[in-house]
Amino acid sequence: MNICNLGKIKVILDMSWLAAYNPEINWKKGKVKMMWCPPICRKRKQETQEKKQVKKIEKEKAVEELVSRKF
């Protein structure tokens, strides 16, 4: 990953990203609107939700184990 000082530039988007996401761009207003998400984006979102669910279940099991211990 290359990191550099962009100065006044807020973001750089390459052609492969633009082609994949195909955002609606209003050049006059300087706005980019995401109209849809490509399949890889939905897959990543689903994977993130699944990871959160697994962590939640693991946390609940840990709490149950602590509660079930006799002091």
Protein backbone atom coordinates (compact mmCIF):
# COMPACT_ATOMS: atom_id res chain seq x y z
CA MET A 1 0.00 0.00 0.00
CA ASN A 2 1.37 3.38 -0.94
CA ILE A 3 0.75 6.24 1.43
CA CYS A 4 1.36 9.81 0.42
CA ASN A 5 0.38 13.34 1.27
CA LEU A 6 -2.61 14.21 -0.92
CA GLY A 7 -2.46 17.90 -0.09
CA LYS A 8 -5.86 19.43 -0.85
CA ILE A 9 -7.07 16.28 -2.62
CA LYS A 10 -9.56 14.40 -0.45
CA VAL A 11 -9.60 11.06 -2.26
CA ILE A 12 -8.23 9.28 -5.30
CA LEU A 13 -10.37 6.67 -7.06
CA ASP A 14 -8.87 4.42 -9.72
CA MET A 15 -10.62 3.22 -12.86
CA SER A 16 -11.02 -0.37 -11.63
CA TRP A 17 -12.90 0.88 -8.53
CA LEU A 18 -15.06 3.21 -10.62
CA ALA A 19 -15.86 0.38 -13.05
CA ALA A 20 -16.73 -2.06 -10.24
CA TYR A 21 -18.92 0.30 -8.20
CA ASN A 22 -20.13 2.55 -11.03
CA PRO A 23 -21.21 5.40 -8.74
CA GLU A 24 -23.41 8.28 -9.82
CA ILE A 25 -21.12 11.32 -9.96
CA ASN A 26 -22.36 14.91 -9.94
CA TRP A 27 -19.30 16.84 -11.04
CA LYS A 28 -20.91 20.26 -10.56
CA LYS A 29 -21.81 19.59 -6.90
CA GLY A 30 -18.77 17.43 -6.18
CA LYS A 31 -20.96 14.56 -4.97
CA VAL A 32 -20.59 10.80 -5.42
CA LYS A 33 -23.71 8.69 -4.82
CA MET A 34 -23.52 4.92 -4.44
CA MET A 35 -26.52 3.46 -6.22
CA TRP A 36 -25.69 -0.22 -5.69
CA CYS A 37 -23.07 -2.53 -4.27
CA PRO A 38 -21.27 -5.15 -6.40
CA PRO A 39 -21.45 -8.83 -5.32
CA ILE A 40 -18.03 -8.75 -3.60
CA CYS A 41 -19.23 -5.90 -1.40
CA ARG A 42 -22.32 -7.83 -0.30
CA LYS A 43 -20.15 -10.89 0.40
CA ARG A 44 -17.82 -8.85 2.63
CA LYS A 45 -20.78 -7.37 4.48
CA GLN A 46 -22.22 -10.84 5.08
CA GLU A 47 -18.82 -12.12 6.28
CA THR A 48 -18.55 -9.19 8.70
CA GLN A 49 -22.03 -9.88 10.08
CA GLU A 50 -21.20 -13.57 10.49
CA LYS A 51 -17.99 -12.73 12.38
CA LYS A 52 -19.93 -10.42 14.71
CA GLN A 53 -22.48 -13.18 15.36
CA VAL A 54 -19.70 -15.69 16.16
CA LYS A 55 -18.09 -13.22 18.59
CA LYS A 56 -21.47 -12.60 20.25
CA ILE A 57 -22.05 -16.35 20.70
CA GLU A 58 -18.51 -16.83 22.07
CA LYS A 59 -19.06 -13.99 24.54
CA GLU A 60 -22.40 -15.43 25.67
CA LYS A 61 -20.78 -18.86 26.19
CA ALA A 62 -17.96 -17.29 28.22
CA VAL A 63 -20.49 -15.48 30.41
CA GLU A 64 -22.51 -18.68 30.90
CA GLU A 65 -19.35 -20.53 31.90
CA LEU A 66 -18.45 -17.86 34.45
CA VAL A 67 -21.96 -17.85 35.89
CA SER A 68 -22.05 -21.65 36.16
CA ARG A 69 -18.81 -21.80 38.15
CA LYS A 70 -19.22 -22.31 41.87
CA PHE A 71 -17.11 -20.03 44.00
